[in-house]
Amino acid sequence: MIFRTVLEEIIVRSDEATGTLHLTVHWKGGAHTQLEMQRPRSATECATPMEALDIIRRMSVRHGDDQIASVLNRLGHSTGKGKRWNQIRVATARRNHSIAGQKRALPDPDRISLTEAARICRVSHRSIERLVEAGLLEREQVTPRAPWQIRRTDLNTEPVRSIIDRLRLTGKLILRGGCTENQITLFTENEGDDNAGHHE
């Protein structure tokens, strides 16, 4: 009732090109006020992109919200409101779309990261990478830019087990065909990056 007492009318003009609203306020007594504001976005426009939701669904089985946020940002995805992803925003998206998940990654008895494989075998991260590059260990990703993982049981297969044992004994990595590389520097502990050399 107070507004009706002082306002005559408000005229709104939408500028689709700039996404803004131009308001003209006509006050009682003949005065006018010009205002401008960003046009409110519809629920559809603010919705989480389907590509991002697909990544969240695939990764949330094992990975934590913090890891998912990192992958989404690396891939250039933003939230429905155009913001960068973080742990809280991933959790909110999961809740809004009934996607099960967790804040932190769940331990997987069958799969481990390349860094964890290096720790278990007591060799460097680069040594494990060389076994992967030689085709002796198979690594996989849930989605591009997600952490690389290998099957724990693959570390105990031949010739992987023999190569690692020889490496720890002699400091040399002998791959297929007798190819030898001096691996002394590869015993240096290196956490590495399980996303390095990722495949799109």
C-alpha atoms as a PDB file:
ATOM      1  CA  MET A   1       0.000   0.000   0.000  1.00  0.00           C
ATOM      2  CA  ILE A   2       2.917   2.337   0.723  1.00  0.00           C
ATOM      3  CA  PHE A   3       4.388   1.692  -2.723  1.00  0.00           C
ATOM      4  CA  ARG A   4       1.042   2.341  -4.386  1.00  0.00           C
ATOM      5  CA  THR A   5       0.896   5.645  -2.554  1.00  0.00           C
ATOM      6  CA  VAL A   6       4.208   6.926  -3.939  1.00  0.00           C
ATOM      7  CA  LEU A   7       4.477   5.031  -7.279  1.00  0.00           C
ATOM      8  CA  GLU A   8       2.493   5.697 -10.434  1.00  0.00           C
ATOM      9  CA  GLU A   9       3.993   2.886 -12.534  1.00  0.00           C
ATOM     10  CA  ILE A  10       7.216   1.080 -13.439  1.00  0.00           C
ATOM     11  CA  ILE A  11       8.039   0.503 -17.110  1.00  0.00           C
ATOM     12  CA  VAL A  12      10.552  -2.261 -17.866  1.00  0.00           C
ATOM     13  CA  ARG A  13      12.410  -2.663 -21.159  1.00  0.00           C
ATOM     14  CA  SER A  14      14.544  -5.750 -21.769  1.00  0.00           C
ATOM     15  CA  ASP A  15      17.748  -5.572 -23.786  1.00  0.00           C
ATOM     16  CA  GLU A  16      18.343  -9.113 -25.057  1.00  0.00           C
ATOM     17  CA  ALA A  17      21.710  -8.229 -26.564  1.00  0.00           C
ATOM     18  CA  THR A  18      23.257  -7.186 -23.247  1.00  0.00           C
ATOM     19  CA  GLY A  19      21.019  -9.204 -20.930  1.00  0.00           C
ATOM     20  CA  THR A  20      19.982  -6.127 -18.979  1.00  0.00           C
ATOM     21  CA  LEU A  21      16.698  -4.604 -17.858  1.00  0.00           C
ATOM     22  CA  HIS A  22      16.039  -0.849 -18.138  1.00  0.00           C
ATOM     23  CA  LEU A  23      13.472   0.419 -15.645  1.00  0.00           C
ATOM     24  CA  THR A  24      11.669   3.724 -15.655  1.00  0.00           C
ATOM     25  CA  VAL A  25       9.995   4.533 -12.340  1.00  0.00           C
ATOM     26  CA  HIS A  26       7.164   7.076 -12.504  1.00  0.00           C
ATOM     27  CA  TRP A  27       6.568   8.583  -9.083  1.00  0.00           C
ATOM     28  CA  LYS A  28       3.443  10.310  -7.883  1.00  0.00           C
ATOM     29  CA  GLY A  29       3.898  13.983  -8.553  1.00  0.00           C
ATOM     30  CA  GLY A  30       5.572  13.493 -11.968  1.00  0.00           C
ATOM     31  CA  ALA A  31       9.203  12.688 -11.084  1.00  0.00           C
ATOM     32  CA  HIS A  32      10.966   9.886 -13.000  1.00  0.00           C
ATOM     33  CA  THR A  33      13.887   7.619 -12.078  1.00  0.00           C
ATOM     34  CA  GLN A  34      15.960   5.557 -14.549  1.00  0.00           C
ATOM     35  CA  LEU A  35      17.443   2.268 -13.328  1.00  0.00           C
ATOM     36  CA  GLU A  36      19.381  -0.545 -14.961  1.00  0.00           C
ATOM     37  CA  MET A  37      20.037  -4.112 -13.755  1.00  0.00           C
ATOM     38  CA  GLN A  38      21.117  -7.493 -15.037  1.00  0.00           C
ATOM     39  CA  ARG A  39      18.246  -9.628 -16.222  1.00  0.00           C
ATOM     40  CA  PRO A  40      17.612 -12.474 -13.729  1.00  0.00           C
ATOM     41  CA  ARG A  41      18.543 -15.840 -15.194  1.00  0.00           C
ATOM     42  CA  SER A  42      15.913 -18.531 -15.495  1.00  0.00           C
ATOM     43  CA  ALA A  43      16.181 -21.836 -13.668  1.00  0.00           C
ATOM     44  CA  THR A  44      17.056 -23.494 -16.980  1.00  0.00           C
ATOM     45  CA  GLU A  45      19.915 -21.083 -17.595  1.00  0.00           C
ATOM     46  CA  CYS A  46      21.283 -21.663 -14.077  1.00  0.00           C
ATOM     47  CA  ALA A  47      21.068 -25.445 -14.274  1.00  0.00           C
ATOM     48  CA  THR A  48      24.237 -27.512 -14.001  1.00  0.00           C
ATOM     49  CA  PRO A  49      25.425 -28.444 -17.517  1.00  0.00           C
ATOM     50  CA  MET A  50      24.738 -32.055 -18.482  1.00  0.00           C
ATOM     51  CA  GLU A  51      28.421 -32.623 -19.352  1.00  0.00           C
ATOM     52  CA  ALA A  52      29.429 -31.668 -15.810  1.00  0.00           C
ATOM     53  CA  LEU A  53      26.720 -33.861 -14.285  1.00  0.00           C
ATOM     54  CA  ASP A  54      27.905 -36.829 -16.341  1.00  0.00           C
ATOM     55  CA  ILE A  55      31.448 -36.411 -14.977  1.00  0.00           C
ATOM     56  CA  ILE A  56      30.131 -36.057 -11.428  1.00  0.00           C
ATOM     57  CA  ARG A  57      28.087 -39.268 -11.765  1.00  0.00           C
ATOM     58  CA  ARG A  58      31.031 -41.271 -13.116  1.00  0.00           C
ATOM     59  CA  MET A  59      33.593 -39.993 -10.634  1.00  0.00           C
ATOM     60  CA  SER A  60      31.438 -39.965  -7.492  1.00  0.00           C
ATOM     61  CA  VAL A  61      31.491 -43.777  -7.313  1.00  0.00           C
ATOM     62  CA  ARG A  62      35.055 -43.671  -5.947  1.00  0.00           C
ATOM     63  CA  HIS A  63      36.404 -40.127  -6.052  1.00  0.00           C
ATOM     64  CA  GLY A  64      35.788 -37.326  -3.572  1.00  0.00           C
ATOM     65  CA  ASP A  65      34.060 -34.007  -4.214  1.00  0.00           C
ATOM     66  CA  ASP A  66      37.412 -32.205  -4.050  1.00  0.00           C
ATOM     67  CA  GLN A  67      38.891 -34.386  -6.811  1.00  0.00           C
ATOM     68  CA  ILE A  68      35.762 -34.004  -8.935  1.00  0.00           C
ATOM     69  CA  ALA A  69      35.919 -30.211  -8.600  1.00  0.00           C
ATOM     70  CA  SER A  70      39.560 -30.227  -9.704  1.00  0.00           C
ATOM     71  CA  VAL A  71      38.778 -32.317 -12.795  1.00  0.00           C
ATOM     72  CA  LEU A  72      35.796 -30.159 -13.770  1.00  0.00           C
ATOM     73  CA  ASN A  73      37.939 -27.025 -13.544  1.00  0.00           C
ATOM     74  CA  ARG A  74      40.768 -28.618 -15.535  1.00  0.00           C
ATOM     75  CA  LEU A  75      38.312 -29.516 -18.287  1.00  0.00           C
ATOM     76  CA  GLY A  76      36.998 -25.953 -18.375  1.00  0.00           C
ATOM     77  CA  HIS A  77      33.520 -26.700 -17.003  1.00  0.00           C
ATOM     78  CA  SER A  78      31.772 -24.116 -14.849  1.00  0.00           C
ATOM     79  CA  THR A  79      28.652 -24.251 -12.693  1.00  0.00           C
ATOM     80  CA  GLY A  80      25.246 -23.233 -14.007  1.00  0.00           C
ATOM     81  CA  LYS A  81      25.961 -19.747 -12.651  1.00  0.00           C
ATOM     82  CA  GLY A  82      29.302 -19.560 -14.435  1.00  0.00           C
ATOM     83  CA  LYS A  83      31.456 -20.060 -11.325  1.00  0.00           C
ATOM     84  CA  ARG A  84      34.451 -22.315 -10.743  1.00  0.00           C
ATOM     85  CA  TRP A  85      33.784 -25.651  -9.108  1.00  0.00           C
ATOM     86  CA  ASN A  86      34.794 -26.395  -5.522  1.00  0.00           C
ATOM     87  CA  GLN A  87      34.033 -29.164  -3.056  1.00  0.00           C
ATOM     88  CA  ILE A  88      30.884 -27.496  -1.719  1.00  0.00           C
ATOM     89  CA  ARG A  89      29.447 -26.815  -5.190  1.00  0.00           C
ATOM     90  CA  VAL A  90      30.032 -30.403  -6.280  1.00  0.00           C
ATOM     91  CA  ALA A  91      28.291 -31.655  -3.128  1.00  0.00           C
ATOM     92  CA  THR A  92      25.377 -29.297  -3.808  1.00  0.00           C
ATOM     93  CA  ALA A  93      25.068 -30.529  -7.397  1.00  0.00           C
ATOM     94  CA  ARG A  94      25.092 -34.137  -6.206  1.00  0.00           C
ATOM     95  CA  ARG A  95      22.415 -33.412  -3.620  1.00  0.00           C
ATOM     96  CA  ASN A  96      20.215 -31.554  -6.114  1.00  0.00           C
ATOM     97  CA  HIS A  97      20.384 -34.429  -8.587  1.00  0.00           C
ATOM     98  CA  SER A  98      20.315 -37.321  -6.066  1.00  0.00           C
ATOM     99  CA  ILE A  99      23.840 -38.514  -6.918  1.00  0.00           C
ATOM    100  CA  ALA A 100      25.490 -40.579  -4.203  1.00  0.00           C
ATOM    101  CA  GLY A 101      29.055 -39.679  -3.284  1.00  0.00           C
ATOM    102  CA  GLN A 102      31.455 -38.514  -0.588  1.00  0.00           C
ATOM    103  CA  LYS A 103      33.684 -35.586   0.393  1.00  0.00           C
ATOM    104  CA  ARG A 104      36.877 -37.596   0.119  1.00  0.00           C
ATOM    105  CA  ALA A 105      37.865 -40.466  -2.155  1.00  0.00           C
ATOM    106  CA  LEU A 106      36.997 -43.953  -0.975  1.00  0.00           C
ATOM    107  CA  PRO A 107      39.814 -46.514  -0.755  1.00  0.00           C
ATOM    108  CA  ASP A 108      39.539 -49.040  -3.572  1.00  0.00           C
ATOM    109  CA  PRO A 109      40.880 -52.521  -2.784  1.00  0.00           C
ATOM    110  CA  ASP A 110      41.268 -53.302  -6.483  1.00  0.00           C
ATOM    111  CA  ARG A 111      42.655 -50.062  -7.989  1.00  0.00           C
ATOM    112  CA  ILE A 112      45.438 -47.748  -6.877  1.00  0.00           C
ATOM    113  CA  SER A 113      47.088 -44.580  -8.168  1.00  0.00           C
ATOM    114  CA  LEU A 114      50.459 -44.643  -9.912  1.00  0.00           C
ATOM    115  CA  THR A 115      51.982 -42.906  -6.893  1.00  0.00           C
ATOM    116  CA  GLU A 116      50.571 -45.563  -4.566  1.00  0.00           C
ATOM    117  CA  ALA A 117      51.893 -48.285  -6.870  1.00  0.00           C
ATOM    118  CA  ALA A 118      55.361 -46.726  -6.672  1.00  0.00           C
ATOM    119  CA  ARG A 119      55.143 -46.662  -2.877  1.00  0.00           C
ATOM    120  CA  ILE A 120      54.058 -50.306  -2.682  1.00  0.00           C
ATOM    121  CA  CYS A 121      56.848 -51.438  -5.030  1.00  0.00           C
ATOM    122  CA  ARG A 122      59.420 -49.145  -3.382  1.00  0.00           C
ATOM    123  CA  VAL A 123      60.431 -47.577  -6.687  1.00  0.00           C
ATOM    124  CA  SER A 124      59.933 -44.120  -8.145  1.00  0.00           C
ATOM    125  CA  HIS A 125      56.802 -42.752  -9.785  1.00  0.00           C
ATOM    126  CA  ARG A 126      58.766 -42.537 -13.054  1.00  0.00           C
ATOM    127  CA  SER A 127      59.608 -46.251 -12.886  1.00  0.00           C
ATOM    128  CA  ILE A 128      55.904 -47.099 -12.821  1.00  0.00           C
ATOM    129  CA  GLU A 129      55.312 -44.685 -15.702  1.00  0.00           C
ATOM    130  CA  ARG A 130      57.988 -46.477 -17.771  1.00  0.00           C
ATOM    131  CA  LEU A 131      56.225 -49.793 -17.205  1.00  0.00           C
ATOM    132  CA  VAL A 132      53.002 -48.178 -18.386  1.00  0.00           C
ATOM    133  CA  GLU A 133      54.687 -46.687 -21.454  1.00  0.00           C
ATOM    134  CA  ALA A 134      56.132 -50.097 -22.303  1.00  0.00           C
ATOM    135  CA  GLY A 135      52.655 -51.612 -22.211  1.00  0.00           C
ATOM    136  CA  LEU A 136      53.425 -53.822 -19.219  1.00  0.00           C
ATOM    137  CA  LEU A 137      50.966 -52.040 -16.935  1.00  0.00           C
ATOM    138  CA  GLU A 138      47.567 -50.793 -18.035  1.00  0.00           C
ATOM    139  CA  ARG A 139      46.273 -47.546 -16.561  1.00  0.00           C
ATOM    140  CA  GLU A 140      42.772 -46.123 -16.782  1.00  0.00           C
ATOM    141  CA  GLN A 141      40.783 -42.971 -16.068  1.00  0.00           C
ATOM    142  CA  VAL A 142      37.118 -42.532 -15.230  1.00  0.00           C
ATOM    143  CA  THR A 143      37.173 -39.388 -17.385  1.00  0.00           C
ATOM    144  CA  PRO A 144      39.909 -37.267 -18.988  1.00  0.00           C
ATOM    145  CA  ARG A 145      41.956 -35.361 -16.398  1.00  0.00           C
ATOM    146  CA  ALA A 146      40.804 -37.692 -13.609  1.00  0.00           C
ATOM    147  CA  PRO A 147      43.527 -39.460 -11.571  1.00  0.00           C
ATOM    148  CA  TRP A 148      45.138 -42.393 -13.360  1.00  0.00           C
ATOM    149  CA  GLN A 149      44.619 -45.789 -11.740  1.00  0.00           C
ATOM    150  CA  ILE A 150      45.983 -49.282 -12.230  1.00  0.00           C
ATOM    151  CA  ARG A 151      44.810 -52.625 -10.944  1.00  0.00           C
ATOM    152  CA  ARG A 152      46.629 -53.704  -7.797  1.00  0.00           C
ATOM    153  CA  THR A 153      46.852 -57.302  -9.025  1.00  0.00           C
ATOM    154  CA  ASP A 154      48.733 -56.213 -12.164  1.00  0.00           C
ATOM    155  CA  LEU A 155      51.774 -55.417 -10.017  1.00  0.00           C
ATOM    156  CA  ASN A 156      52.156 -59.126  -9.228  1.00  0.00           C
ATOM    157  CA  THR A 157      51.972 -60.404 -12.781  1.00  0.00           C
ATOM    158  CA  GLU A 158      54.928 -61.509 -14.887  1.00  0.00           C
ATOM    159  CA  PRO A 159      57.038 -59.904 -16.189  1.00  0.00           C
ATOM    160  CA  VAL A 160      56.180 -56.857 -14.028  1.00  0.00           C
ATOM    161  CA  ARG A 161      57.155 -58.552 -10.779  1.00  0.00           C
ATOM    162  CA  SER A 162      60.509 -59.733 -12.186  1.00  0.00           C
ATOM    163  CA  ILE A 163      61.317 -56.335 -13.711  1.00  0.00           C
ATOM    164  CA  ILE A 164      60.609 -54.522 -10.444  1.00  0.00           C
ATOM    165  CA  ASP A 165      62.640 -57.031  -8.407  1.00  0.00           C
ATOM    166  CA  ARG A 166      65.577 -56.649 -10.813  1.00  0.00           C
ATOM    167  CA  LEU A 167      65.262 -52.861 -10.706  1.00  0.00           C
ATOM    168  CA  ARG A 168      65.414 -52.792  -6.913  1.00  0.00           C
ATOM    169  CA  LEU A 169      68.405 -55.167  -6.954  1.00  0.00           C
ATOM    170  CA  THR A 170      70.520 -53.653  -9.734  1.00  0.00           C
ATOM    171  CA  GLY A 171      69.168 -50.134 -10.220  1.00  0.00           C
ATOM    172  CA  LYS A 172      68.475 -50.924 -13.869  1.00  0.00           C
ATOM    173  CA  LEU A 173      65.106 -51.153 -15.576  1.00  0.00           C
ATOM    174  CA  ILE A 174      65.195 -53.978 -18.120  1.00  0.00           C
ATOM    175  CA  LEU A 175      62.112 -54.052 -20.316  1.00  0.00           C
ATOM    176  CA  ARG A 176      61.119 -56.276 -23.210  1.00  0.00           C
ATOM    177  CA  GLY A 177      63.844 -57.313 -25.607  1.00  0.00           C
ATOM    178  CA  GLY A 178      66.535 -56.694 -23.020  1.00  0.00           C
ATOM    179  CA  CYS A 179      66.338 -52.916 -23.321  1.00  0.00           C
ATOM    180  CA  THR A 180      68.205 -51.499 -20.338  1.00  0.00           C
ATOM    181  CA  GLU A 181      68.052 -48.071 -18.739  1.00  0.00           C
ATOM    182  CA  ASN A 182      70.128 -46.849 -15.827  1.00  0.00           C
ATOM    183  CA  GLN A 183      67.509 -46.306 -13.140  1.00  0.00           C
ATOM    184  CA  ILE A 184      69.607 -45.051 -10.203  1.00  0.00           C
ATOM    185  CA  THR A 185      67.880 -41.650 -10.248  1.00  0.00           C
ATOM    186  CA  LEU A 186      64.501 -43.320 -10.504  1.00  0.00           C
ATOM    187  CA  PHE A 187      64.770 -44.581  -6.946  1.00  0.00           C
ATOM    188  CA  THR A 188      64.362 -40.999  -5.707  1.00  0.00           C
ATOM    189  CA  GLU A 189      60.971 -40.628  -4.124  1.00  0.00           C
ATOM    190  CA  ASN A 190      58.781 -38.538  -6.419  1.00  0.00           C
ATOM    191  CA  GLU A 191      55.105 -38.058  -5.770  1.00  0.00           C
ATOM    192  CA  GLY A 192      54.595 -37.220  -9.429  1.00  0.00           C
ATOM    193  CA  ASP A 193      51.301 -36.266 -10.993  1.00  0.00           C
ATOM    194  CA  ASP A 194      48.836 -39.028 -11.767  1.00  0.00           C
ATOM    195  CA  ASN A 195      47.298 -36.718 -14.378  1.00  0.00           C
ATOM    196  CA  ALA A 196      50.557 -36.052 -16.206  1.00  0.00           C
ATOM    197  CA  GLY A 197      50.510 -37.149 -19.818  1.00  0.00           C
ATOM    198  CA  HIS A 198      46.754 -37.619 -19.714  1.00  0.00           C
ATOM    199  CA  HIS A 199      44.905 -38.846 -22.759  1.00  0.00           C
ATOM    200  CA  GLU A 200      41.900 -36.834 -23.928  1.00  0.00           C
END
